[in-house]
Amino acid sequence: MKLLFLDIDSVMVVWNHNEAEPPRNQFDTVDFTPECVIALNEILDKTGCEIILSSDHRWNHTKEVLDEIFKHNKCHKSPINITPLSKR
């Protein structure tokens, strides 16, 4: 099985940090940047890989909510798992 370890901030969500943060959606997250979604979907489609989320978002959302976030952002797949949570 091919795996893609994926972060969200500065990978799927890109904005000019000199500007105000984009608005938050119903999940209290910022929508993914469309160009990043296109690139992710191309990688997923060409490789057949699965996503393992390594982002700090894994602290704040259940696997079910992460699935909704990825679907909301039109990603072809959602994370199948997350990297282990270490003590903060």
PDB file of N, CA and C in Angstrom:
ATOM      1  N   MET A   1       0.844  -1.177   0.000  1.00  0.00           N
ATOM      2  CA  MET A   1       0.000   0.000   0.000  1.00  0.00           C
ATOM      3  C   MET A   1       0.894   1.247   0.000  1.00  0.00           C
ATOM      4  N   LYS A   2       0.571   2.171  -0.877  1.00  0.00           N
ATOM      5  CA  LYS A   2       1.293   3.437  -0.948  1.00  0.00           C
ATOM      6  C   LYS A   2       0.634   4.430   0.003  1.00  0.00           C
ATOM      7  N   LEU A   3       1.458   5.149   0.769  1.00  0.00           N
ATOM      8  CA  LEU A   3       0.953   6.110   1.737  1.00  0.00           C
ATOM      9  C   LEU A   3       1.506   7.500   1.464  1.00  0.00           C
ATOM     10  N   LEU A   4       0.673   8.489   1.679  1.00  0.00           N
ATOM     11  CA  LEU A   4       1.062   9.887   1.582  1.00  0.00           C
ATOM     12  C   LEU A   4       0.841  10.514   2.952  1.00  0.00           C
ATOM     13  N   PHE A   5       1.916  10.938   3.595  1.00  0.00           N
ATOM     14  CA  PHE A   5       1.813  11.619   4.876  1.00  0.00           C
ATOM     15  C   PHE A   5       1.576  13.093   4.580  1.00  0.00           C
ATOM     16  N   LEU A   6       0.425  13.595   4.992  1.00  0.00           N
ATOM     17  CA  LEU A   6      -0.030  14.917   4.562  1.00  0.00           C
ATOM     18  C   LEU A   6      -0.238  15.859   5.734  1.00  0.00           C
ATOM     19  N   ASP A   7       0.299  17.064   5.585  1.00  0.00           N
ATOM     20  CA  ASP A   7       0.029  18.163   6.497  1.00  0.00           C
ATOM     21  C   ASP A   7      -1.026  19.040   5.816  1.00  0.00           C
ATOM     22  N   ILE A   8      -1.695  19.890   6.572  1.00  0.00           N
ATOM     23  CA  ILE A   8      -2.698  20.774   5.976  1.00  0.00           C
ATOM     24  C   ILE A   8      -2.174  22.198   5.869  1.00  0.00           C
ATOM     25  N   ASP A   9      -1.760  22.787   6.992  1.00  0.00           N
ATOM     26  CA  ASP A   9      -1.300  24.177   6.980  1.00  0.00           C
ATOM     27  C   ASP A   9      -0.032  24.325   6.159  1.00  0.00           C
ATOM     28  N   SER A  10      -0.043  25.293   5.268  1.00  0.00           N
ATOM     29  CA  SER A  10       1.054  25.608   4.348  1.00  0.00           C
ATOM     30  C   SER A  10       1.274  24.532   3.283  1.00  0.00           C
ATOM     31  N   VAL A  11       0.435  23.520   3.264  1.00  0.00           N
ATOM     32  CA  VAL A  11       0.485  22.504   2.208  1.00  0.00           C
ATOM     33  C   VAL A  11      -0.841  22.517   1.449  1.00  0.00           C
ATOM     34  N   MET A  12      -1.937  22.321   2.157  1.00  0.00           N
ATOM     35  CA  MET A  12      -3.263  22.348   1.533  1.00  0.00           C
ATOM     36  C   MET A  12      -3.925  23.723   1.683  1.00  0.00           C
ATOM     37  N   VAL A  13      -3.489  24.496   2.669  1.00  0.00           N
ATOM     38  CA  VAL A  13      -4.000  25.848   2.888  1.00  0.00           C
ATOM     39  C   VAL A  13      -2.822  26.801   2.751  1.00  0.00           C
ATOM     40  N   VAL A  14      -2.845  27.590   1.687  1.00  0.00           N
ATOM     41  CA  VAL A  14      -1.745  28.514   1.426  1.00  0.00           C
ATOM     42  C   VAL A  14      -2.329  29.920   1.302  1.00  0.00           C
ATOM     43  N   TRP A  15      -1.783  30.853   2.085  1.00  0.00           N
ATOM     44  CA  TRP A  15      -2.169  32.246   1.942  1.00  0.00           C
ATOM     45  C   TRP A  15      -0.996  33.119   2.328  1.00  0.00           C
ATOM     46  N   ASN A  16      -1.049  34.364   1.926  1.00  0.00           N
ATOM     47  CA  ASN A  16      -0.017  35.340   2.246  1.00  0.00           C
ATOM     48  C   ASN A  16      -0.175  35.714   3.717  1.00  0.00           C
ATOM     49  N   HIS A  17       0.791  35.351   4.526  1.00  0.00           N
ATOM     50  CA  HIS A  17       0.687  35.574   5.963  1.00  0.00           C
ATOM     51  C   HIS A  17       0.762  37.046   6.341  1.00  0.00           C
ATOM     52  N   ASN A  18       1.036  37.917   5.384  1.00  0.00           N
ATOM     53  CA  ASN A  18       0.992  39.356   5.635  1.00  0.00           C
ATOM     54  C   ASN A  18      -0.440  39.882   5.566  1.00  0.00           C
ATOM     55  N   GLU A  19      -1.339  39.052   5.062  1.00  0.00           N
ATOM     56  CA  GLU A  19      -2.751  39.418   4.962  1.00  0.00           C
ATOM     57  C   GLU A  19      -3.525  38.720   6.065  1.00  0.00           C
ATOM     58  N   ALA A  20      -4.737  39.160   6.287  1.00  0.00           N
ATOM     59  CA  ALA A  20      -5.587  38.528   7.299  1.00  0.00           C
ATOM     60  C   ALA A  20      -5.856  37.074   6.914  1.00  0.00           C
ATOM     61  N   GLU A  21      -6.009  36.233   7.916  1.00  0.00           N
ATOM     62  CA  GLU A  21      -6.314  34.822   7.667  1.00  0.00           C
ATOM     63  C   GLU A  21      -7.664  34.713   6.962  1.00  0.00           C
ATOM     64  N   PRO A  22      -7.772  33.828   5.986  1.00  0.00           N
ATOM     65  CA  PRO A  22      -9.054  33.642   5.297  1.00  0.00           C
ATOM     66  C   PRO A  22     -10.143  33.230   6.285  1.00  0.00           C
ATOM     67  N   PRO A  23     -11.402  33.419   5.915  1.00  0.00           N
ATOM     68  CA  PRO A  23     -12.499  33.059   6.822  1.00  0.00           C
ATOM     69  C   PRO A  23     -12.537  31.555   7.098  1.00  0.00           C
ATOM     70  N   ARG A  24     -13.062  31.222   8.245  1.00  0.00           N
ATOM     71  CA  ARG A  24     -13.200  29.822   8.653  1.00  0.00           C
ATOM     72  C   ARG A  24     -14.553  29.288   8.210  1.00  0.00           C
ATOM     73  N   ASN A  25     -14.591  27.983   7.931  1.00  0.00           N
ATOM     74  CA  ASN A  25     -15.830  27.332   7.487  1.00  0.00           C
ATOM     75  C   ASN A  25     -16.558  26.696   8.673  1.00  0.00           C
ATOM     76  N   GLN A  26     -17.563  25.886   8.388  1.00  0.00           N
ATOM     77  CA  GLN A  26     -18.371  25.268   9.443  1.00  0.00           C
ATOM     78  C   GLN A  26     -17.589  24.287  10.306  1.00  0.00           C
ATOM     79  N   PHE A  27     -16.404  23.881   9.882  1.00  0.00           N
ATOM     80  CA  PHE A  27     -15.563  22.960  10.653  1.00  0.00           C
ATOM     81  C   PHE A  27     -14.533  23.723  11.497  1.00  0.00           C
ATOM     82  N   ASP A  28     -14.613  25.062  11.469  1.00  0.00           N
ATOM     83  CA  ASP A  28     -13.649  25.938  12.130  1.00  0.00           C
ATOM     84  C   ASP A  28     -12.253  25.746  11.554  1.00  0.00           C
ATOM     85  N   THR A  29     -12.204  25.495  10.252  1.00  0.00           N
ATOM     86  CA  THR A  29     -10.942  25.411   9.520  1.00  0.00           C
ATOM     87  C   THR A  29     -11.022  26.352   8.323  1.00  0.00           C
ATOM     88  N   VAL A  30      -9.897  26.588   7.702  1.00  0.00           N
ATOM     89  CA  VAL A  30      -9.846  27.390   6.481  1.00  0.00           C
ATOM     90  C   VAL A  30      -9.954  26.426   5.301  1.00  0.00           C
ATOM     91  N   ASP A  31     -10.772  26.783   4.305  1.00  0.00           N
ATOM     92  CA  ASP A  31     -10.896  25.929   3.120  1.00  0.00           C
ATOM     93  C   ASP A  31      -9.541  25.735   2.456  1.00  0.00           C
ATOM     94  N   PHE A  32      -9.348  24.541   1.891  1.00  0.00           N
ATOM     95  CA  PHE A  32      -8.115  24.236   1.181  1.00  0.00           C
ATOM     96  C   PHE A  32      -8.003  25.140  -0.050  1.00  0.00           C
ATOM     97  N   THR A  33      -6.799  25.455  -0.428  1.00  0.00           N
ATOM     98  CA  THR A  33      -6.533  26.239  -1.631  1.00  0.00           C
ATOM     99  C   THR A  33      -6.849  25.364  -2.849  1.00  0.00           C
ATOM    100  N   PRO A  34      -7.709  25.841  -3.764  1.00  0.00           N
ATOM    101  CA  PRO A  34      -8.145  24.999  -4.899  1.00  0.00           C
ATOM    102  C   PRO A  34      -6.999  24.378  -5.693  1.00  0.00           C
ATOM    103  N   GLU A  35      -5.933  25.122  -5.948  1.00  0.00           N
ATOM    104  CA  GLU A  35      -4.805  24.573  -6.705  1.00  0.00           C
ATOM    105  C   GLU A  35      -4.146  23.417  -5.959  1.00  0.00           C
ATOM    106  N   CYS A  36      -4.153  23.492  -4.644  1.00  0.00           N
ATOM    107  CA  CYS A  36      -3.578  22.412  -3.838  1.00  0.00           C
ATOM    108  C   CYS A  36      -4.447  21.163  -3.919  1.00  0.00           C
ATOM    109  N   VAL A  37      -5.762  21.348  -3.941  1.00  0.00           N
ATOM    110  CA  VAL A  37      -6.677  20.215  -4.072  1.00  0.00           C
ATOM    111  C   VAL A  37      -6.485  19.543  -5.421  1.00  0.00           C
ATOM    112  N   ILE A  38      -6.330  20.337  -6.469  1.00  0.00           N
ATOM    113  CA  ILE A  38      -6.091  19.777  -7.803  1.00  0.00           C
ATOM    114  C   ILE A  38      -4.824  18.925  -7.791  1.00  0.00           C
ATOM    115  N   ALA A  39      -3.753  19.461  -7.203  1.00  0.00           N
ATOM    116  CA  ALA A  39      -2.484  18.723  -7.155  1.00  0.00           C
ATOM    117  C   ALA A  39      -2.624  17.449  -6.320  1.00  0.00           C
ATOM    118  N   LEU A  40      -3.281  17.535  -5.160  1.00  0.00           N
ATOM    119  CA  LEU A  40      -3.481  16.353  -4.322  1.00  0.00           C
ATOM    120  C   LEU A  40      -4.288  15.298  -5.066  1.00  0.00           C
ATOM    121  N   ASN A  41      -5.378  15.699  -5.691  1.00  0.00           N
ATOM    122  CA  ASN A  41      -6.215  14.735  -6.414  1.00  0.00           C
ATOM    123  C   ASN A  41      -5.444  14.061  -7.544  1.00  0.00           C
ATOM    124  N   GLU A  42      -4.582  14.808  -8.216  1.00  0.00           N
ATOM    125  CA  GLU A  42      -3.764  14.216  -9.279  1.00  0.00           C
ATOM    126  C   GLU A  42      -2.817  13.156  -8.697  1.00  0.00           C
ATOM    127  N   ILE A  43      -2.198  13.465  -7.577  1.00  0.00           N
ATOM    128  CA  ILE A  43      -1.311  12.496  -6.920  1.00  0.00           C
ATOM    129  C   ILE A  43      -2.092  11.254  -6.501  1.00  0.00           C
ATOM    130  N   LEU A  44      -3.253  11.470  -5.883  1.00  0.00           N
ATOM    131  CA  LEU A  44      -4.074  10.340  -5.424  1.00  0.00           C
ATOM    132  C   LEU A  44      -4.507   9.468  -6.604  1.00  0.00           C
ATOM    133  N   ASP A  45      -4.951  10.108  -7.673  1.00  0.00           N
ATOM    134  CA  ASP A  45      -5.436   9.362  -8.845  1.00  0.00           C
ATOM    135  C   ASP A  45      -4.317   8.601  -9.553  1.00  0.00           C
ATOM    136  N   LYS A  46      -3.160   9.221  -9.687  1.00  0.00           N
ATOM    137  CA  LYS A  46      -2.061   8.590 -10.425  1.00  0.00           C
ATOM    138  C   LYS A  46      -1.370   7.484  -9.635  1.00  0.00           C
ATOM    139  N   THR A  47      -1.320   7.626  -8.313  1.00  0.00           N
ATOM    140  CA  THR A  47      -0.558   6.658  -7.514  1.00  0.00           C
ATOM    141  C   THR A  47      -1.430   5.647  -6.787  1.00  0.00           C
ATOM    142  N   GLY A  48      -2.699   5.991  -6.573  1.00  0.00           N
ATOM    143  CA  GLY A  48      -3.568   5.117  -5.794  1.00  0.00           C
ATOM    144  C   GLY A  48      -3.220   5.101  -4.309  1.00  0.00           C
ATOM    145  N   CYS A  49      -2.441   6.077  -3.878  1.00  0.00           N
ATOM    146  CA  CYS A  49      -2.001   6.094  -2.475  1.00  0.00           C
ATOM    147  C   CYS A  49      -3.144   6.473  -1.533  1.00  0.00           C
ATOM    148  N   GLU A  50      -2.929   6.195  -0.266  1.00  0.00           N
ATOM    149  CA  GLU A  50      -3.862   6.547   0.798  1.00  0.00           C
ATOM    150  C   GLU A  50      -3.226   7.653   1.638  1.00  0.00           C
ATOM    151  N   ILE A  51      -4.062   8.449   2.287  1.00  0.00           N
ATOM    152  CA  ILE A  51      -3.593   9.586   3.071  1.00  0.00           C
ATOM    153  C   ILE A  51      -3.496   9.223   4.552  1.00  0.00           C
ATOM    154  N   ILE A  52      -2.359   9.556   5.132  1.00  0.00           N
ATOM    155  CA  ILE A  52      -2.175   9.525   6.581  1.00  0.00           C
ATOM    156  C   ILE A  52      -1.961  10.983   6.985  1.00  0.00           C
ATOM    157  N   LEU A  53      -2.811  11.504   7.840  1.00  0.00           N
ATOM    158  CA  LEU A  53      -2.720  12.908   8.221  1.00  0.00           C
ATOM    159  C   LEU A  53      -1.689  13.093   9.324  1.00  0.00           C
ATOM    160  N   SER A  54      -0.738  13.984   9.068  1.00  0.00           N
ATOM    161  CA  SER A  54       0.288  14.287  10.068  1.00  0.00           C
ATOM    162  C   SER A  54       0.123  15.701  10.623  1.00  0.00           C
ATOM    163  N   SER A  55      -0.908  16.389  10.184  1.00  0.00           N
ATOM    164  CA  SER A  55      -1.158  17.775  10.554  1.00  0.00           C
ATOM    165  C   SER A  55      -1.621  17.904  12.007  1.00  0.00           C
ATOM    166  N   ASP A  56      -1.408  19.080  12.575  1.00  0.00           N
ATOM    167  CA  ASP A  56      -1.939  19.352  13.913  1.00  0.00           C
ATOM    168  C   ASP A  56      -3.459  19.265  13.957  1.00  0.00           C
ATOM    169  N   HIS A  57      -4.104  19.311  12.807  1.00  0.00           N
ATOM    170  CA  HIS A  57      -5.563  19.185  12.764  1.00  0.00           C
ATOM    171  C   HIS A  57      -6.021  17.839  13.343  1.00  0.00           C
ATOM    172  N   ARG A  58      -5.135  16.873  13.395  1.00  0.00           N
ATOM    173  CA  ARG A  58      -5.519  15.567  13.947  1.00  0.00           C
ATOM    174  C   ARG A  58      -5.799  15.669  15.441  1.00  0.00           C
ATOM    175  N   TRP A  59      -5.322  16.743  16.088  1.00  0.00           N
ATOM    176  CA  TRP A  59      -5.606  16.963  17.516  1.00  0.00           C
ATOM    177  C   TRP A  59      -7.043  17.439  17.728  1.00  0.00           C
ATOM    178  N   ASN A  60      -7.586  18.135  16.737  1.00  0.00           N
ATOM    179  CA  ASN A  60      -8.834  18.874  16.923  1.00  0.00           C
ATOM    180  C   ASN A  60     -10.068  18.231  16.308  1.00  0.00           C
ATOM    181  N   HIS A  61      -9.896  17.208  15.495  1.00  0.00           N
ATOM    182  CA  HIS A  61     -11.036  16.654  14.757  1.00  0.00           C
ATOM    183  C   HIS A  61     -11.001  15.131  14.783  1.00  0.00           C
ATOM    184  N   THR A  62     -12.178  14.550  14.867  1.00  0.00           N
ATOM    185  CA  THR A  62     -12.274  13.091  14.776  1.00  0.00           C
ATOM    186  C   THR A  62     -12.036  12.663  13.338  1.00  0.00           C
ATOM    187  N   LYS A  63     -11.816  11.387  13.155  1.00  0.00           N
ATOM    188  CA  LYS A  63     -11.626  10.848  11.804  1.00  0.00           C
ATOM    189  C   LYS A  63     -12.866  11.118  10.940  1.00  0.00           C
ATOM    190  N   GLU A  64     -14.035  11.063  11.552  1.00  0.00           N
ATOM    191  CA  GLU A  64     -15.279  11.316  10.818  1.00  0.00           C
ATOM    192  C   GLU A  64     -15.360  12.771  10.353  1.00  0.00           C
ATOM    193  N   VAL A  65     -14.970  13.704  11.221  1.00  0.00           N
ATOM    194  CA  VAL A  65     -14.989  15.115  10.838  1.00  0.00           C
ATOM    195  C   VAL A  65     -13.914  15.388   9.793  1.00  0.00           C
ATOM    196  N   LEU A  66     -12.748  14.775   9.931  1.00  0.00           N
ATOM    197  CA  LEU A  66     -11.711  14.927   8.903  1.00  0.00           C
ATOM    198  C   LEU A  66     -12.228  14.458   7.551  1.00  0.00           C
ATOM    199  N   ASP A  67     -12.972  13.361   7.533  1.00  0.00           N
ATOM    200  CA  ASP A  67     -13.570  12.870   6.293  1.00  0.00           C
ATOM    201  C   ASP A  67     -14.494  13.935   5.703  1.00  0.00           C
ATOM    202  N   GLU A  68     -15.311  14.563   6.537  1.00  0.00           N
ATOM    203  CA  GLU A  68     -16.213  15.621   6.071  1.00  0.00           C
ATOM    204  C   GLU A  68     -15.429  16.820   5.544  1.00  0.00           C
ATOM    205  N   ILE A  69     -14.341  17.184   6.221  1.00  0.00           N
ATOM    206  CA  ILE A  69     -13.518  18.313   5.780  1.00  0.00           C
ATOM    207  C   ILE A  69     -12.929  18.041   4.401  1.00  0.00           C
ATOM    208  N   PHE A  70     -12.395  16.843   4.192  1.00  0.00           N
ATOM    209  CA  PHE A  70     -11.800  16.512   2.897  1.00  0.00           C
ATOM    210  C   PHE A  70     -12.868  16.448   1.805  1.00  0.00           C
ATOM    211  N   LYS A  71     -14.033  15.916   2.112  1.00  0.00           N
ATOM    212  CA  LYS A  71     -15.124  15.890   1.125  1.00  0.00           C
ATOM    213  C   LYS A  71     -15.599  17.306   0.813  1.00  0.00           C
ATOM    214  N   HIS A  72     -15.727  18.137   1.840  1.00  0.00           N
ATOM    215  CA  HIS A  72     -16.135  19.535   1.664  1.00  0.00           C
ATOM    216  C   HIS A  72     -15.186  20.254   0.705  1.00  0.00           C
ATOM    217  N   ASN A  73     -13.905  19.917   0.779  1.00  0.00           N
ATOM    218  CA  ASN A  73     -12.883  20.553  -0.056  1.00  0.00           C
ATOM    219  C   ASN A  73     -12.686  19.860  -1.400  1.00  0.00           C
ATOM    220  N   LYS A  74     -13.549  18.870  -1.703  1.00  0.00           N
ATOM    221  CA  LYS A  74     -13.558  18.174  -3.001  1.00  0.00           C
ATOM    222  C   LYS A  74     -12.321  17.310  -3.250  1.00  0.00           C
ATOM    223  N   CYS A  75     -11.746  16.782  -2.168  1.00  0.00           N
ATOM    224  CA  CYS A  75     -10.633  15.849  -2.305  1.00  0.00           C
ATOM    225  C   CYS A  75     -11.194  14.478  -2.674  1.00  0.00           C
ATOM    226  N   HIS A  76     -10.497  13.744  -3.523  1.00  0.00           N
ATOM    227  CA  HIS A  76     -10.961  12.438  -3.967  1.00  0.00           C
ATOM    228  C   HIS A  76     -10.906  11.381  -2.871  1.00  0.00           C
ATOM    229  N   LYS A  77     -10.064  11.588  -1.862  1.00  0.00           N
ATOM    230  CA  LYS A  77      -9.951  10.659  -0.741  1.00  0.00           C
ATOM    231  C   LYS A  77      -9.808  11.452   0.547  1.00  0.00           C
ATOM    232  N   SER A  78     -10.121  10.773   1.637  1.00  0.00           N
ATOM    233  CA  SER A  78      -9.934  11.319   2.975  1.00  0.00           C
ATOM    234  C   SER A  78      -8.863  10.503   3.684  1.00  0.00           C
ATOM    235  N   PRO A  79      -8.306  11.037   4.761  1.00  0.00           N
ATOM    236  CA  PRO A  79      -7.296  10.263   5.495  1.00  0.00           C
ATOM    237  C   PRO A  79      -7.857   8.932   5.996  1.00  0.00           C
ATOM    238  N   ILE A  80      -7.054   7.891   5.869  1.00  0.00           N
ATOM    239  CA  ILE A  80      -7.458   6.596   6.415  1.00  0.00           C
ATOM    240  C   ILE A  80      -6.993   6.459   7.859  1.00  0.00           C
ATOM    241  N   ASN A  81      -6.036   7.330   8.237  1.00  0.00           N
ATOM    242  CA  ASN A  81      -5.528   7.283   9.600  1.00  0.00           C
ATOM    243  C   ASN A  81      -4.743   8.561   9.864  1.00  0.00           C
ATOM    244  N   ILE A  82      -4.256   8.691  11.101  1.00  0.00           N
ATOM    245  CA  ILE A  82      -3.432   9.829  11.488  1.00  0.00           C
ATOM    246  C   ILE A  82      -2.132   9.307  12.086  1.00  0.00           C
ATOM    247  N   THR A  83      -1.104  10.167  12.094  1.00  0.00           N
ATOM    248  CA  THR A  83       0.120   9.775  12.772  1.00  0.00           C
ATOM    249  C   THR A  83      -0.156   9.781  14.274  1.00  0.00           C
ATOM    250  N   PRO A  84       0.594   9.007  15.027  1.00  0.00           N
ATOM    251  CA  PRO A  84       0.340   8.913  16.478  1.00  0.00           C
ATOM    252  C   PRO A  84       0.389  10.296  17.149  1.00  0.00           C
ATOM    253  N   LEU A  85      -0.467  10.438  18.126  1.00  0.00           N
ATOM    254  CA  LEU A  85      -0.495  11.675  18.902  1.00  0.00           C
ATOM    255  C   LEU A  85       0.460  11.542  20.066  1.00  0.00           C
ATOM    256  N   SER A  86       1.426  12.422  20.131  1.00  0.00           N
ATOM    257  CA  SER A  86       2.339  12.405  21.281  1.00  0.00           C
ATOM    258  C   SER A  86       1.797  13.378  22.324  1.00  0.00           C
ATOM    259  N   LYS A  87       2.267  13.242  23.535  1.00  0.00           N
ATOM    260  CA  LYS A  87       1.819  14.154  24.588  1.00  0.00           C
ATOM    261  C   LYS A  87       2.312  15.541  24.291  1.00  0.00           C
ATOM    262  N   ARG A  88       1.438  16.497  24.492  1.00  0.00           N
ATOM    263  CA  ARG A  88       1.794  17.903  24.265  1.00  0.00           C
ATOM    264  C   ARG A  88       2.511  18.447  25.469  1.00  0.00           C
TER     265      ARG A  88
END
